[in-house]
N, C-alpha and C. Protein backbone atom coordinates (compact mmCIF):
# COMPACT_ATOMS: atom_id res chain seq x y z
N MET A 1 184.90 -55.87 -4.43
CA MET A 1 184.53 -54.61 -5.10
C MET A 1 183.41 -54.64 -6.24
N GLU A 2 183.45 -55.98 -6.91
CA GLU A 2 182.06 -56.24 -7.69
C GLU A 2 180.89 -56.08 -7.14
N ALA A 3 180.86 -56.59 -5.82
CA ALA A 3 179.56 -56.76 -5.02
C ALA A 3 178.93 -55.16 -4.67
N LYS A 4 179.99 -54.28 -4.25
CA LYS A 4 179.97 -53.18 -4.02
C LYS A 4 179.36 -52.18 -5.28
N GLY A 5 179.97 -52.48 -6.47
CA GLY A 5 179.86 -51.96 -7.62
C GLY A 5 178.30 -52.54 -7.94
N ASP A 6 177.96 -53.65 -7.83
CA ASP A 6 176.47 -53.97 -8.10
C ASP A 6 175.49 -53.34 -7.17
N PHE A 7 175.71 -53.37 -5.92
CA PHE A 7 174.80 -52.37 -5.01
C PHE A 7 174.73 -51.29 -5.56
N LYS A 8 175.48 -50.60 -5.84
CA LYS A 8 175.34 -49.19 -6.37
C LYS A 8 174.62 -48.87 -7.49
N LYS A 9 174.83 -50.19 -8.45
CA LYS A 9 173.83 -50.09 -9.70
C LYS A 9 172.59 -50.29 -9.34
N ARG A 10 172.31 -51.19 -8.38
CA ARG A 10 170.95 -51.53 -7.81
C ARG A 10 170.37 -50.28 -7.18
N LEU A 11 171.05 -49.40 -6.54
CA LEU A 11 170.59 -48.23 -5.78
C LEU A 11 170.29 -47.25 -6.90
N GLY A 12 170.94 -47.10 -7.72
CA GLY A 12 170.70 -46.23 -8.91
C GLY A 12 169.15 -46.57 -9.61
N TYR A 13 169.27 -47.75 -9.80
CA TYR A 13 167.86 -48.45 -10.48
C TYR A 13 166.70 -48.05 -9.67
N LEU A 14 166.98 -48.19 -8.15
CA LEU A 14 166.01 -48.07 -7.19
C LEU A 14 165.55 -46.66 -7.27
N ALA A 15 166.48 -45.57 -7.13
CA ALA A 15 166.06 -44.17 -7.33
C ALA A 15 165.30 -43.78 -8.61
N PHE A 16 165.63 -44.41 -9.57
CA PHE A 16 165.11 -44.12 -10.87
C PHE A 16 163.51 -44.70 -10.58
N SER A 17 163.25 -45.86 -10.13
CA SER A 17 162.15 -46.58 -10.28
C SER A 17 161.17 -45.73 -9.48
N ILE A 18 161.81 -45.24 -8.20
CA ILE A 18 160.81 -44.45 -7.18
C ILE A 18 160.24 -43.23 -7.74
N PHE A 19 161.02 -42.53 -8.74
CA PHE A 19 160.56 -41.42 -9.20
C PHE A 19 159.51 -41.55 -10.56
N PHE A 20 160.05 -42.72 -11.38
CA PHE A 20 159.25 -42.94 -12.35
C PHE A 20 158.12 -43.71 -12.09
N ASN A 21 157.90 -44.23 -10.95
CA ASN A 21 156.63 -45.07 -10.16
C ASN A 21 155.73 -43.62 -9.80
N ALA A 22 156.29 -42.63 -9.08
CA ALA A 22 155.42 -41.58 -8.68
C ALA A 22 154.69 -40.62 -9.78
N ALA A 23 155.93 -40.56 -11.02
CA ALA A 23 155.30 -39.65 -12.01
C ALA A 23 154.47 -40.42 -12.79
N SER A 24 154.35 -41.93 -12.93
CA SER A 24 153.61 -42.85 -13.60
C SER A 24 151.97 -42.59 -12.86
N ASN A 25 152.02 -42.81 -11.64
CA ASN A 25 150.92 -43.05 -10.82
C ASN A 25 150.26 -41.57 -10.90
N ALA A 26 150.95 -40.28 -10.74
CA ALA A 26 150.26 -39.10 -11.27
C ALA A 26 149.59 -39.05 -12.49
N LEU A 27 150.31 -39.64 -13.51
CA LEU A 27 149.67 -39.49 -14.90
C LEU A 27 148.18 -40.06 -14.72
N MET A 28 148.16 -41.24 -14.07
CA MET A 28 146.88 -42.07 -14.05
C MET A 28 146.06 -41.16 -13.13
N ILE A 29 146.45 -40.48 -12.21
CA ILE A 29 145.38 -39.80 -11.26
C ILE A 29 144.79 -38.40 -12.06
N ASP A 30 145.97 -37.80 -12.83
CA ASP A 30 145.53 -36.52 -13.65
C ASP A 30 144.58 -36.77 -14.92
N SER A 31 144.76 -37.79 -15.37
CA SER A 31 144.06 -38.34 -16.62
C SER A 31 142.84 -38.50 -16.31
N ASN A 32 142.49 -38.82 -15.03
CA ASN A 32 141.14 -38.98 -14.44
C ASN A 32 140.21 -40.00 -15.12
N VAL A 33 140.75 -40.99 -15.83
CA VAL A 33 140.00 -42.21 -16.54
C VAL A 33 140.27 -43.57 -15.72
N GLY A 34 140.96 -43.28 -14.26
CA GLY A 34 141.09 -44.59 -13.60
C GLY A 34 142.40 -44.74 -12.94
N SER A 35 142.72 -44.56 -11.81
CA SER A 35 144.21 -44.67 -11.25
C SER A 35 144.35 -46.26 -10.77
N ALA A 36 145.66 -46.54 -10.65
CA ALA A 36 145.87 -47.63 -10.09
C ALA A 36 145.23 -47.92 -8.80
N VAL A 37 144.95 -49.36 -8.33
CA VAL A 37 143.93 -49.55 -7.40
C VAL A 37 144.18 -48.82 -6.09
N TRP A 38 145.50 -48.90 -5.44
CA TRP A 38 145.74 -48.24 -4.37
C TRP A 38 145.77 -46.82 -4.38
N MET A 39 146.47 -46.15 -5.65
CA MET A 39 146.03 -44.81 -5.63
C MET A 39 144.80 -44.35 -5.54
N ALA A 40 143.89 -44.91 -6.26
CA ALA A 40 142.55 -44.70 -6.25
C ALA A 40 141.73 -44.86 -4.81
N SER A 41 142.15 -45.76 -4.20
CA SER A 41 141.64 -45.80 -2.92
C SER A 41 142.11 -44.58 -2.05
N GLY A 42 143.41 -44.49 -2.18
CA GLY A 42 144.11 -43.30 -1.42
C GLY A 42 143.32 -41.88 -1.84
N VAL A 43 143.13 -41.55 -3.07
CA VAL A 43 142.34 -40.64 -3.38
C VAL A 43 141.01 -40.51 -2.84
N ASN A 44 140.25 -41.59 -2.67
CA ASN A 44 139.03 -41.49 -2.16
C ASN A 44 138.99 -41.42 -0.50
N ILE A 45 140.14 -41.89 0.02
CA ILE A 45 140.24 -41.66 1.57
C ILE A 45 140.49 -39.98 1.66
N SER A 46 141.49 -39.54 0.85
CA SER A 46 141.82 -38.15 1.04
C SER A 46 140.58 -37.20 0.64
N ASN A 47 139.69 -37.62 -0.17
CA ASN A 47 138.70 -36.76 -0.41
C ASN A 47 137.64 -36.91 0.77
N LEU A 48 137.56 -38.05 1.36
CA LEU A 48 136.46 -38.28 2.50
C LEU A 48 137.15 -37.72 3.74
N ILE A 49 138.34 -37.62 4.15
CA ILE A 49 138.73 -37.06 5.49
C ILE A 49 139.35 -35.62 5.23
N ARG A 50 139.38 -35.26 4.04
CA ARG A 50 139.99 -33.86 3.85
C ARG A 50 141.52 -33.59 4.26
N VAL A 51 142.11 -34.59 4.13
CA VAL A 51 143.61 -34.47 4.43
C VAL A 51 144.36 -34.51 2.87
N ASP A 52 145.58 -33.73 3.16
CA ASP A 52 146.33 -33.64 1.87
C ASP A 52 146.63 -35.13 1.38
N TYR A 53 146.87 -35.21 0.11
CA TYR A 53 146.83 -36.40 -0.54
C TYR A 53 148.28 -37.22 -0.21
N GLY A 54 149.25 -36.55 -0.07
CA GLY A 54 150.51 -37.23 0.22
C GLY A 54 150.75 -37.73 1.58
N THR A 55 150.03 -37.03 2.62
CA THR A 55 149.96 -37.59 3.93
C THR A 55 149.03 -38.78 4.13
N THR A 56 147.80 -38.59 3.34
CA THR A 56 146.93 -39.56 3.39
C THR A 56 147.74 -41.01 2.85
N LEU A 57 148.49 -40.83 1.75
CA LEU A 57 149.26 -41.92 1.05
C LEU A 57 150.18 -42.61 2.26
N PHE A 58 150.80 -41.53 2.63
CA PHE A 58 151.87 -41.95 3.90
C PHE A 58 151.19 -42.84 5.09
N VAL A 59 150.42 -42.45 5.58
CA VAL A 59 149.71 -43.09 6.68
C VAL A 59 149.06 -44.26 6.31
N TYR A 60 148.49 -44.32 5.00
CA TYR A 60 148.10 -45.34 4.56
C TYR A 60 149.14 -46.60 4.61
N ALA A 61 150.22 -45.90 3.88
CA ALA A 61 151.27 -47.11 3.59
C ALA A 61 151.93 -47.69 5.14
N ILE A 62 151.69 -46.76 6.14
CA ILE A 62 152.01 -47.30 7.68
C ILE A 62 151.33 -48.51 7.96
N LEU A 63 150.10 -48.46 7.69
CA LEU A 63 149.02 -49.40 7.97
C LEU A 63 149.38 -50.74 7.28
N VAL A 64 149.62 -50.81 5.91
CA VAL A 64 150.01 -51.69 5.12
C VAL A 64 151.01 -52.32 5.61
N ALA A 65 152.36 -51.42 6.14
CA ALA A 65 153.47 -52.00 6.53
C ALA A 65 153.17 -52.92 7.74
N VAL A 66 152.26 -52.43 8.49
CA VAL A 66 152.01 -53.52 9.70
C VAL A 66 151.28 -54.67 9.38
N THR A 67 150.35 -54.71 8.34
CA THR A 67 149.78 -55.88 7.81
C THR A 67 150.81 -56.90 7.23
N ASN A 68 151.80 -56.41 6.48
CA ASN A 68 153.04 -57.06 5.96
C ASN A 68 153.49 -57.88 7.02
N GLN A 69 153.92 -57.27 8.21
CA GLN A 69 154.42 -58.03 9.49
C GLN A 69 153.64 -59.26 9.69
N ILE A 70 152.23 -58.95 9.83
CA ILE A 70 151.45 -60.03 10.05
C ILE A 70 151.56 -61.03 9.11
N LEU A 71 151.33 -60.95 7.87
CA LEU A 71 151.74 -61.84 6.90
C LEU A 71 153.02 -62.64 6.94
N LEU A 72 153.98 -61.73 7.57
CA LEU A 72 155.33 -62.60 7.71
C LEU A 72 155.27 -63.75 8.93
N ARG A 73 154.50 -63.51 9.80
CA ARG A 73 154.20 -64.18 11.11
C ARG A 73 155.36 -63.99 11.90
N LYS A 74 156.11 -62.84 11.62
CA LYS A 74 157.17 -62.42 12.82
C LYS A 74 157.55 -60.90 12.33
N PHE A 75 158.06 -60.50 13.44
CA PHE A 75 158.55 -59.08 13.20
C PHE A 75 159.93 -59.04 12.17
N ASP A 76 159.71 -58.25 11.56
CA ASP A 76 160.99 -58.14 10.35
C ASP A 76 161.31 -56.66 10.45
N GLY A 77 162.29 -56.23 11.36
CA GLY A 77 162.41 -54.67 11.26
C GLY A 77 163.15 -54.24 9.95
N HIS A 78 163.85 -55.03 9.07
CA HIS A 78 164.32 -54.77 7.96
C HIS A 78 163.14 -54.25 7.02
N VAL A 79 162.22 -55.24 6.87
CA VAL A 79 161.08 -55.04 6.03
C VAL A 79 160.29 -54.01 6.48
N PHE A 80 160.09 -53.75 7.52
CA PHE A 80 159.12 -52.85 8.04
C PHE A 80 159.84 -51.30 7.54
N ILE A 81 161.25 -51.31 7.97
CA ILE A 81 161.81 -49.83 8.01
C ILE A 81 161.86 -49.42 6.69
N SER A 82 162.35 -50.58 5.93
CA SER A 82 162.45 -50.00 4.46
C SER A 82 161.17 -49.84 3.71
N ASN A 83 160.06 -50.45 4.17
CA ASN A 83 158.92 -50.10 3.77
C ASN A 83 158.49 -48.50 4.07
N ILE A 84 158.56 -48.17 5.23
CA ILE A 84 158.63 -46.84 5.74
C ILE A 84 159.32 -45.94 4.81
N LEU A 85 160.76 -46.29 4.73
CA LEU A 85 161.82 -45.55 4.10
C LEU A 85 161.33 -45.25 2.49
N PHE A 86 160.68 -46.19 2.08
CA PHE A 86 160.08 -45.92 0.70
C PHE A 86 158.99 -45.09 0.60
N SER A 87 157.92 -45.23 1.44
CA SER A 87 156.82 -44.72 1.49
C SER A 87 156.83 -43.20 1.60
N LEU A 88 157.98 -42.63 2.63
CA LEU A 88 157.90 -41.27 2.68
C LEU A 88 157.87 -40.42 1.67
N PRO A 89 159.33 -40.65 0.92
CA PRO A 89 159.40 -39.73 -0.43
C PRO A 89 158.28 -40.08 -1.32
N PHE A 90 158.12 -41.40 -1.42
CA PHE A 90 156.97 -41.63 -2.75
C PHE A 90 155.78 -41.02 -2.55
N SER A 91 155.26 -40.95 -1.47
CA SER A 91 153.91 -40.43 -1.25
C SER A 91 153.58 -39.17 -1.67
N TYR A 92 154.79 -38.19 -1.15
CA TYR A 92 154.85 -36.73 -1.49
C TYR A 92 155.21 -36.49 -3.06
N LEU A 93 156.03 -37.31 -3.25
CA LEU A 93 156.32 -37.36 -5.10
C LEU A 93 155.05 -37.25 -5.80
N VAL A 94 154.18 -38.39 -5.51
CA VAL A 94 153.22 -38.38 -6.11
C VAL A 94 152.15 -37.38 -6.01
N GLY A 95 152.13 -36.52 -5.05
CA GLY A 95 151.48 -35.40 -4.83
C GLY A 95 152.09 -34.15 -5.47
N PHE A 96 153.31 -34.24 -5.56
CA PHE A 96 154.34 -33.15 -6.28
C PHE A 96 153.90 -33.33 -7.89
N PHE A 97 153.95 -34.49 -8.44
CA PHE A 97 153.74 -34.84 -9.69
C PHE A 97 152.40 -34.30 -10.23
N THR A 98 151.12 -35.08 -9.59
CA THR A 98 150.02 -34.35 -9.71
C THR A 98 149.72 -32.94 -10.01
N LYS A 99 150.70 -32.08 -9.22
CA LYS A 99 150.46 -30.77 -9.24
C LYS A 99 151.34 -30.13 -10.36
N LEU A 100 152.33 -30.89 -10.71
CA LEU A 100 153.16 -30.52 -12.07
C LEU A 100 152.45 -30.73 -13.04
N TYR A 101 151.64 -31.59 -13.37
CA TYR A 101 150.99 -31.95 -14.53
C TYR A 101 149.95 -30.80 -14.80
N ILE A 102 149.26 -30.18 -13.94
CA ILE A 102 148.27 -29.56 -13.67
C ILE A 102 147.97 -28.54 -15.01
N PRO A 103 149.20 -27.75 -15.51
CA PRO A 103 149.26 -26.87 -16.46
C PRO A 103 149.07 -27.59 -17.89
N LEU A 104 149.11 -28.97 -17.74
CA LEU A 104 149.12 -29.75 -19.02
C LEU A 104 147.53 -29.85 -19.40
N HIS A 105 146.79 -29.58 -18.35
CA HIS A 105 145.22 -29.70 -18.55
C HIS A 105 144.90 -31.11 -19.30
N PHE A 106 145.21 -32.14 -18.61
CA PHE A 106 144.79 -33.43 -19.26
C PHE A 106 143.12 -33.25 -19.48
N GLU A 107 142.46 -32.81 -18.33
CA GLU A 107 141.10 -32.87 -18.31
C GLU A 107 140.26 -32.26 -19.29
N GLN A 108 141.04 -31.52 -20.09
CA GLN A 108 140.59 -30.66 -21.43
C GLN A 108 140.90 -31.65 -22.68
N MET A 109 141.70 -32.44 -22.56
CA MET A 109 141.57 -33.55 -23.78
C MET A 109 140.60 -34.39 -24.02
N ASN A 110 140.48 -34.81 -25.37
CA ASN A 110 139.34 -35.97 -25.61
C ASN A 110 139.65 -37.11 -24.96
N MET A 111 138.61 -37.99 -24.76
CA MET A 111 138.83 -39.12 -24.05
C MET A 111 139.74 -40.38 -24.47
N ILE A 112 139.92 -40.32 -25.67
CA ILE A 112 140.88 -41.18 -26.21
C ILE A 112 142.46 -40.86 -25.83
N TRP A 113 142.65 -39.62 -25.75
CA TRP A 113 143.69 -39.11 -25.32
C TRP A 113 144.23 -39.52 -23.98
N ARG A 114 143.13 -39.19 -23.21
CA ARG A 114 143.30 -39.59 -21.64
C ARG A 114 143.52 -40.89 -21.27
N ILE A 115 142.84 -41.64 -22.08
CA ILE A 115 142.97 -43.23 -22.00
C ILE A 115 144.25 -43.50 -22.42
N VAL A 116 144.93 -42.92 -23.34
CA VAL A 116 146.24 -43.20 -23.88
C VAL A 116 147.39 -42.73 -22.73
N ILE A 117 147.13 -41.67 -22.16
CA ILE A 117 147.76 -41.26 -21.20
C ILE A 117 147.69 -42.19 -19.88
N ASP A 118 146.69 -42.53 -19.57
CA ASP A 118 146.27 -43.66 -18.30
C ASP A 118 146.97 -44.97 -18.64
N VAL A 119 146.92 -45.42 -19.88
CA VAL A 119 147.69 -46.96 -20.14
C VAL A 119 149.32 -46.67 -20.07
N ILE A 120 149.48 -45.33 -20.54
CA ILE A 120 151.04 -45.16 -20.32
C ILE A 120 151.65 -45.03 -19.07
N GLY A 121 150.68 -44.26 -17.89
CA GLY A 121 150.97 -44.33 -16.85
C GLY A 121 150.70 -45.96 -16.21
N LEU A 122 150.06 -46.55 -16.57
CA LEU A 122 149.87 -48.16 -15.98
C LEU A 122 151.07 -48.93 -16.32
N LEU A 123 151.37 -48.68 -17.47
CA LEU A 123 152.61 -49.43 -17.91
C LEU A 123 153.91 -48.83 -17.32
N GLY A 124 154.05 -47.53 -16.99
CA GLY A 124 155.05 -46.92 -16.24
C GLY A 124 155.15 -47.60 -14.92
N VAL A 125 153.89 -47.65 -14.07
CA VAL A 125 153.96 -47.81 -12.98
C VAL A 125 154.45 -49.67 -12.76
N SER A 126 153.86 -50.19 -13.64
CA SER A 126 154.13 -51.86 -13.57
C SER A 126 155.58 -51.76 -13.76
N MET A 127 156.41 -51.20 -14.82
CA MET A 127 157.57 -51.25 -15.05
C MET A 127 158.49 -50.85 -13.72
N ALA A 128 158.02 -49.77 -13.11
CA ALA A 128 158.75 -49.34 -11.86
C ALA A 128 158.88 -50.46 -10.92
N VAL A 129 157.50 -50.73 -10.62
CA VAL A 129 157.54 -51.97 -9.48
C VAL A 129 158.04 -53.14 -9.76
N SER A 130 158.33 -53.76 -11.01
CA SER A 130 159.25 -54.77 -11.33
C SER A 130 160.61 -54.34 -11.16
N VAL A 131 161.19 -53.17 -11.60
CA VAL A 131 162.47 -52.85 -11.32
C VAL A 131 163.08 -52.85 -9.81
N TYR A 132 162.10 -52.38 -8.90
CA TYR A 132 162.35 -51.83 -7.44
C TYR A 132 162.23 -53.22 -6.73
N GLN A 133 161.40 -54.09 -7.18
CA GLN A 133 161.32 -55.33 -6.62
C GLN A 133 162.45 -56.08 -6.73
N ARG A 134 162.88 -56.21 -8.11
CA ARG A 134 164.33 -56.92 -8.26
C ARG A 134 165.40 -56.38 -7.97
N CYS A 135 165.33 -55.14 -7.66
CA CYS A 135 166.67 -54.26 -6.79
C CYS A 135 166.91 -54.86 -5.41
N ASN A 136 165.72 -55.34 -4.75
CA ASN A 136 166.02 -56.00 -3.53
C ASN A 136 166.67 -55.26 -2.47
N ILE A 137 166.08 -53.98 -2.30
CA ILE A 137 166.52 -53.10 -1.40
C ILE A 137 165.57 -52.54 -0.45
N ILE A 138 164.68 -51.77 -1.28
CA ILE A 138 163.34 -51.27 -0.23
C ILE A 138 162.28 -51.31 -1.35
N GLN A 139 161.10 -51.33 -1.02
CA GLN A 139 160.00 -51.32 -1.70
C GLN A 139 158.80 -50.85 -0.90
N HIS A 140 157.82 -50.23 -1.70
CA HIS A 140 156.56 -49.56 -1.10
C HIS A 140 155.74 -50.74 -0.42
N PRO A 141 155.10 -50.57 0.95
CA PRO A 141 154.38 -51.65 1.59
C PRO A 141 153.34 -52.41 0.70
N ASN A 142 152.95 -51.57 -0.30
CA ASN A 142 151.79 -51.97 -0.89
C ASN A 142 152.30 -53.00 -1.87
N ASP A 143 153.55 -52.89 -2.62
CA ASP A 143 154.09 -53.70 -3.26
C ASP A 143 154.60 -54.99 -2.56
N GLU A 144 155.15 -54.79 -1.31
CA GLU A 144 155.68 -55.43 -0.48
C GLU A 144 154.62 -56.78 -0.10
N LEU A 145 153.26 -56.11 0.01
CA LEU A 145 152.21 -57.13 0.15
C LEU A 145 152.00 -57.90 -0.87
N ALA A 146 151.91 -57.43 -2.20
CA ALA A 146 151.71 -58.30 -3.52
C ALA A 146 152.77 -59.19 -3.48
N TYR A 147 154.04 -58.79 -3.26
CA TYR A 147 155.14 -59.78 -3.32
C TYR A 147 155.20 -60.62 -1.99
N LEU A 148 154.85 -60.55 -0.85
CA LEU A 148 154.52 -61.65 0.11
C LEU A 148 153.69 -62.61 -0.48
N LEU A 149 152.58 -62.09 -0.89
CA LEU A 149 151.37 -62.96 -1.21
C LEU A 149 151.73 -63.77 -2.50
N ARG A 150 152.51 -63.18 -3.35
CA ARG A 150 153.15 -63.83 -4.58
C ARG A 150 153.79 -64.96 -4.21
N PHE A 151 154.91 -64.87 -3.44
CA PHE A 151 155.96 -65.84 -3.09
C PHE A 151 155.83 -66.75 -2.05
N LYS A 152 155.12 -66.16 -1.32
CA LYS A 152 154.63 -66.98 0.19
C LYS A 152 153.57 -67.76 0.22
N TYR A 153 152.45 -67.32 -0.61
CA TYR A 153 151.18 -67.95 -0.67
C TYR A 153 150.63 -68.41 -2.04
N LEU A 154 151.18 -67.71 -2.99
CA LEU A 154 150.60 -68.04 -4.25
C LEU A 154 151.49 -68.56 -5.42
N ARG A 155 152.54 -69.20 -5.00
CA ARG A 155 153.66 -70.03 -5.68
C ARG A 155 154.13 -69.24 -6.81
N GLY A 156 154.67 -68.00 -6.51
CA GLY A 156 155.29 -67.09 -7.34
C GLY A 156 154.36 -66.59 -8.46
N SER A 157 153.11 -66.51 -8.37
CA SER A 157 152.06 -66.06 -9.62
C SER A 157 152.05 -64.43 -9.42
N ALA A 158 152.65 -63.66 -10.15
CA ALA A 158 152.59 -62.23 -10.04
C ALA A 158 151.21 -61.75 -10.24
N GLY A 159 150.35 -62.36 -11.20
CA GLY A 159 149.10 -62.02 -11.56
C GLY A 159 148.03 -62.18 -10.46
N TRP A 160 148.30 -63.40 -9.73
CA TRP A 160 147.17 -63.58 -8.41
C TRP A 160 147.63 -62.83 -7.24
N GLY A 161 148.98 -62.63 -7.18
CA GLY A 161 149.66 -62.02 -6.13
C GLY A 161 148.86 -60.47 -6.00
N GLN A 162 149.06 -59.92 -7.51
CA GLN A 162 148.49 -58.47 -7.40
C GLN A 162 147.03 -58.40 -7.25
N ILE A 163 146.17 -59.52 -7.80
CA ILE A 163 144.74 -59.47 -7.79
C ILE A 163 144.46 -59.56 -6.23
N VAL A 164 144.91 -60.30 -5.37
CA VAL A 164 144.35 -60.97 -4.08
C VAL A 164 144.92 -59.57 -3.24
N SER A 165 146.16 -58.81 -3.64
CA SER A 165 146.64 -57.81 -2.60
C SER A 165 145.62 -56.51 -2.82
N TYR A 166 144.82 -56.64 -3.97
CA TYR A 166 143.86 -55.31 -4.35
C TYR A 166 142.50 -55.50 -3.41
N SER A 167 142.37 -56.57 -2.67
CA SER A 167 141.31 -56.58 -1.76
C SER A 167 141.01 -55.44 -0.73
N PRO A 168 141.99 -55.13 -0.03
CA PRO A 168 141.68 -54.19 1.08
C PRO A 168 141.50 -52.79 0.38
N PRO A 169 142.08 -52.40 -0.53
CA PRO A 169 141.98 -51.04 -0.96
C PRO A 169 140.53 -51.08 -1.97
N LEU A 170 140.09 -52.24 -2.55
CA LEU A 170 138.65 -52.26 -3.04
C LEU A 170 137.73 -52.15 -1.91
N ILE A 171 137.98 -52.76 -0.96
CA ILE A 171 136.97 -52.76 0.41
C ILE A 171 136.72 -51.21 0.92
N ILE A 172 138.00 -50.79 0.98
CA ILE A 172 137.84 -49.53 1.46
C ILE A 172 137.31 -48.39 0.65
N MET A 173 137.31 -48.61 -0.85
CA MET A 173 136.93 -47.88 -1.73
C MET A 173 135.24 -47.82 -1.71
N VAL A 174 134.69 -49.18 -1.30
CA VAL A 174 133.27 -49.27 -1.46
C VAL A 174 132.78 -48.65 0.09
N ILE A 175 133.63 -48.79 1.04
CA ILE A 175 133.37 -47.97 2.44
C ILE A 175 133.10 -46.58 2.17
N CYS A 176 133.99 -45.91 1.52
CA CYS A 176 134.17 -44.41 1.09
C CYS A 176 132.88 -44.14 0.34
N TYR A 177 132.51 -44.86 -0.71
CA TYR A 177 131.52 -44.62 -1.37
C TYR A 177 130.03 -44.85 -0.59
N PHE A 178 129.99 -45.69 0.17
CA PHE A 178 128.71 -45.69 1.16
C PHE A 178 128.67 -44.55 2.02
N ILE A 179 129.76 -43.93 2.47
CA ILE A 179 129.80 -42.79 3.49
C ILE A 179 129.58 -41.43 2.96
N SER A 180 130.39 -41.52 1.72
CA SER A 180 130.18 -40.06 0.98
C SER A 180 129.20 -39.97 -0.41
N GLY A 181 128.82 -40.93 -0.96
CA GLY A 181 127.87 -41.29 -1.96
C GLY A 181 128.70 -40.86 -3.17
N LYS A 182 130.20 -40.68 -3.18
CA LYS A 182 131.01 -40.51 -4.22
C LYS A 182 132.32 -41.51 -4.41
N ILE A 183 132.65 -41.63 -5.61
CA ILE A 183 133.55 -42.14 -6.11
C ILE A 183 134.64 -41.32 -6.79
N TYR A 184 135.94 -41.55 -6.48
CA TYR A 184 136.99 -40.71 -7.12
C TYR A 184 137.88 -41.62 -7.84
N ALA A 185 138.60 -41.18 -8.66
CA ALA A 185 139.88 -41.79 -9.40
C ALA A 185 139.55 -43.28 -10.06
N VAL A 186 138.47 -43.88 -10.16
CA VAL A 186 138.11 -45.21 -10.50
C VAL A 186 137.64 -44.95 -12.14
N GLY A 187 138.07 -45.74 -12.78
CA GLY A 187 137.72 -45.70 -14.18
C GLY A 187 138.30 -46.97 -15.12
N ILE A 188 138.46 -46.75 -16.21
CA ILE A 188 139.19 -47.73 -17.13
C ILE A 188 140.38 -48.32 -16.46
N GLY A 189 141.42 -47.16 -16.24
CA GLY A 189 142.53 -47.38 -15.74
C GLY A 189 142.64 -48.48 -14.51
N THR A 190 141.69 -48.34 -13.62
CA THR A 190 141.57 -49.06 -12.57
C THR A 190 141.32 -50.45 -12.81
N VAL A 191 140.35 -50.74 -13.85
CA VAL A 191 139.81 -52.03 -14.27
C VAL A 191 141.12 -52.84 -14.97
N LEU A 192 141.74 -52.05 -15.69
CA LEU A 192 143.01 -52.63 -16.24
C LEU A 192 144.09 -53.10 -15.11
N ALA A 193 144.24 -52.21 -14.30
CA ALA A 193 145.32 -52.39 -13.14
C ALA A 193 144.92 -53.82 -12.62
N ILE A 194 143.44 -53.81 -12.00
CA ILE A 194 142.98 -55.21 -11.33
C ILE A 194 143.27 -56.29 -12.11
N PHE A 195 143.03 -56.30 -13.49
CA PHE A 195 143.27 -57.65 -14.00
C PHE A 195 144.69 -58.08 -15.05
N PHE A 196 145.21 -56.64 -15.22
CA PHE A 196 146.58 -56.81 -15.93
C PHE A 196 147.63 -56.56 -15.35
N GLN A 197 147.68 -55.65 -14.36
CA GLN A 197 148.87 -55.13 -13.68
C GLN A 197 149.90 -56.25 -13.42
N GLY A 198 149.26 -57.24 -12.69
CA GLY A 198 150.34 -58.13 -12.12
C GLY A 198 150.85 -58.96 -13.59
N TYR A 199 150.13 -59.33 -14.30
CA TYR A 199 150.60 -59.73 -15.70
C TYR A 199 151.75 -59.20 -16.40
N ILE A 200 151.43 -57.57 -16.27
CA ILE A 200 152.43 -56.71 -16.80
C ILE A 200 153.91 -56.78 -16.11
N ILE A 201 153.69 -56.79 -14.89
CA ILE A 201 154.86 -56.91 -13.96
C ILE A 201 155.76 -58.06 -14.20
N GLY A 202 155.05 -59.09 -14.44
CA GLY A 202 155.76 -60.41 -14.75
C GLY A 202 156.43 -60.33 -16.04
N ARG A 203 155.66 -59.69 -17.12
CA ARG A 203 156.39 -59.47 -18.32
C ARG A 203 157.74 -58.52 -18.36
N MET A 204 157.54 -57.42 -17.52
CA MET A 204 158.39 -56.38 -17.49
C MET A 204 159.74 -57.19 -16.81
N ASP A 205 159.44 -57.93 -16.02
CA ASP A 205 160.62 -58.73 -15.05
C ASP A 205 161.63 -59.38 -16.39
N LYS A 206 161.02 -59.74 -17.44
CA LYS A 206 161.88 -60.45 -18.40
C LYS A 206 162.34 -59.39 -19.27
N ILE A 207 161.66 -58.30 -19.55
CA ILE A 207 162.01 -57.32 -20.70
C ILE A 207 162.95 -55.97 -20.14
N VAL A 208 162.50 -55.63 -18.97
CA VAL A 208 163.28 -54.40 -18.51
C VAL A 208 164.50 -54.69 -17.48
N ILE A 209 165.57 -54.46 -17.98
CA ILE A 209 166.63 -54.93 -17.17
C ILE A 209 166.93 -56.29 -16.62
N PRO A 210 166.71 -57.25 -17.60
CA PRO A 210 166.72 -58.70 -17.34
C PRO A 210 167.73 -58.91 -16.28
N SER A 211 169.07 -58.26 -16.15
CA SER A 211 169.93 -58.86 -15.31
C SER A 211 169.61 -58.69 -14.15
N LEU A 212 168.43 -57.85 -13.59
CA LEU A 212 168.12 -57.67 -12.24
C LEU A 212 167.31 -59.01 -12.12
N LYS A 213 167.66 -59.72 -10.93
CA LYS A 213 166.72 -61.09 -10.63
C LYS A 213 166.18 -60.94 -9.15
N HIS A 214 165.08 -61.56 -9.16
CA HIS A 214 164.19 -61.59 -7.92
C HIS A 214 165.11 -62.07 -6.80
N HIS A 215 164.85 -61.72 -5.43
CA HIS A 215 165.77 -62.37 -4.39
C HIS A 215 164.72 -62.58 -3.42
N TYR A 216 164.43 -63.55 -3.19
CA TYR A 216 163.40 -63.72 -1.85
C TYR A 216 163.51 -64.68 -0.75
N ASN A 217 163.33 -64.38 0.36
CA ASN A 217 163.85 -65.34 1.69
C ASN A 217 162.61 -65.29 2.43
N LEU A 218 161.21 -65.63 2.03
CA LEU A 218 160.23 -65.84 2.73
C LEU A 218 159.77 -67.12 3.45
């Protein structure tokens, strides 16, 4: 009974973290001073191919989920399916929240307030990632990638895991720029995410719901 109760609690934390992560990512996007790296990459792809943002994020997530299987060096059906199950609602929730914030007119605020909103979004994203990684049920393939790199290849370093995992989206943004001549959703928040998000996630592991512990079998 205790184990069942523990699972229900983790499931509740997971649901909360998915919504909170989507809402926080949307804050960064709508502040327009720099999104988290994967989100910024998705925005640039979406603008390049003229496809709905939610759909772009979902297809992008499928490709990353396949990459995770390569890094695992074996096919893990649980990891692959859980990555997809997370991505489907999350991708469209981000699109929903970006539209929900439109009446708040973040773009009309002065730069200082927009930066504050962006940083709040980054902290929210980092907290949500920390929580659902420790829930150990399902997680987004982008974060699964950082998780695999962190514990399988980089001796548990959250910072290095996050930084190395950013290589693919950064390369994709460069390609999008050379094709279109434009860059979207890249700014202060993106730079902060590249250098500090991994560290913040590591700190959130200890501060937010510390009773949740990492469980990894890589």
